[in-house]
Protein backbone atom coordinates (compact mmCIF):
# COMPACT_ATOMS: atom_id res chain seq x y z
CA VAL A 1 -0.52 3.28 -10.76
CA LEU A 2 0.41 0.03 -9.03
CA VAL A 3 2.94 0.23 -6.19
CA ASP A 4 4.07 -3.14 -4.86
CA VAL A 5 4.85 -2.20 -1.26
CA ALA A 6 5.60 -5.80 -0.25
CA ARG A 7 8.15 -6.24 -3.03
CA HIS A 8 9.70 -2.87 -2.24
CA ARG A 9 10.21 -4.10 1.34
CA GLY A 10 11.67 -7.36 0.01
CA LEU A 11 8.74 -9.37 1.40
CA ASP A 12 5.96 -11.60 0.09
CA ARG A 13 3.53 -9.61 2.21
CA VAL A 14 3.55 -6.57 4.45
CA PRO A 15 3.06 -7.69 8.07
CA PRO A 16 -0.44 -7.24 9.53
CA GLY A 17 -0.93 -3.89 11.22
CA SER A 18 2.00 -2.23 9.43
CA VAL A 19 1.76 1.44 8.54
CA ILE A 20 2.64 2.52 5.02
CA ARG A 21 3.96 6.06 5.00
CA PRO A 22 4.12 8.55 2.10
CA GLY A 23 7.93 8.49 2.02
CA GLU A 24 7.87 4.75 1.46
CA ILE A 25 5.42 5.16 -1.42
CA ASP A 26 7.63 7.87 -2.92
CA ASP A 27 10.67 5.58 -2.61
CA ALA A 28 8.83 2.64 -4.18
CA LEU A 29 7.58 4.82 -7.04
CA ALA A 30 11.12 6.04 -7.72
CA ALA A 31 12.55 2.51 -7.53
CA GLN A 32 10.07 1.21 -10.11
CA GLY A 33 10.39 4.28 -12.34
CA SER A 34 6.78 5.41 -11.94
CA THR A 35 5.27 8.81 -11.30
CA LEU A 36 1.88 10.00 -10.13
CA LEU A 37 -0.17 12.52 -12.06
CA PRO A 38 -3.28 14.41 -10.93
CA GLY A 39 -6.33 12.20 -11.26
CA ASP A 40 -4.40 8.94 -11.03
CA ILE A 41 -5.65 5.99 -9.01
CA LEU A 42 -3.04 4.55 -6.65
CA LEU A 43 -3.14 0.78 -6.14
CA LEU A 44 -1.08 -0.51 -3.23
CA ARG A 45 -0.15 -4.19 -3.21
CA THR A 46 0.57 -5.46 0.29
CA GLY A 47 0.03 -9.19 -0.15
CA HIS A 48 -2.35 -9.14 2.81
CA LEU A 49 -4.88 -11.38 1.08
CA SER A 50 -2.48 -14.29 1.63
CA VAL A 51 -3.13 -14.05 5.38
CA PHE A 52 -6.58 -15.44 4.63
CA LYS A 53 -5.94 -17.51 1.51
CA ILE A 54 -2.73 -19.22 2.65
CA ASP A 55 -2.78 -18.96 6.45
CA GLY A 56 -6.56 -19.26 6.81
CA ASP A 57 -6.43 -16.58 9.50
CA ARG A 58 -9.75 -14.81 9.09
CA GLU A 59 -9.48 -12.64 12.21
CA THR A 60 -6.08 -11.18 11.29
CA TYR A 61 -7.21 -10.70 7.70
CA LEU A 62 -10.33 -8.80 8.74
CA TRP A 63 -8.97 -6.68 11.59
CA GLN A 64 -5.20 -6.21 11.26
CA GLY A 65 -4.51 -5.28 7.66
CA PRO A 66 -1.59 -3.04 6.76
CA GLY A 67 -2.54 0.40 5.54
CA LEU A 68 -1.78 4.04 5.08
CA GLY A 69 -0.97 6.20 8.08
CA ILE A 70 -2.91 9.38 8.77
CA ASP A 71 -0.05 11.44 7.31
CA ALA A 72 -0.98 10.01 3.90
CA ALA A 73 -4.16 12.13 3.73
CA ALA A 74 -2.26 15.36 3.00
CA TRP A 75 0.11 13.48 0.66
CA ILE A 76 -2.87 12.13 -1.33
CA ARG A 77 -4.31 15.64 -1.58
CA ARG A 78 -0.97 17.12 -2.69
CA HIS A 79 -0.84 14.56 -5.51
CA ASP A 80 -4.51 15.21 -6.34
CA LEU A 81 -5.22 11.48 -6.62
CA ALA A 82 -8.69 10.36 -7.69
CA ALA A 83 -8.63 7.25 -5.48
CA VAL A 84 -6.40 4.99 -3.42
CA CYS A 85 -6.97 1.30 -2.79
CA SER A 86 -5.04 -1.72 -1.61
CA ASP A 87 -5.41 -5.42 -1.39
């Protein structure tokens, strides 16, 4: 299930170092009319790749990517997701 976090925030890309929280994922899922089922794979689009491809900022791309906060671990388990990944 693809969740476009950047678009949900009204941005081209989520700022480097930003934390994505479970409530935001729930809100984005509801806004796009999607649901998660046990065994699903969650794909988070942040737009972070553009930091390297457009800005050419290798250091920020490698070390300051946006991502899930620690509170997402229990949320992932509650949803019984098979995997989570992001750009």
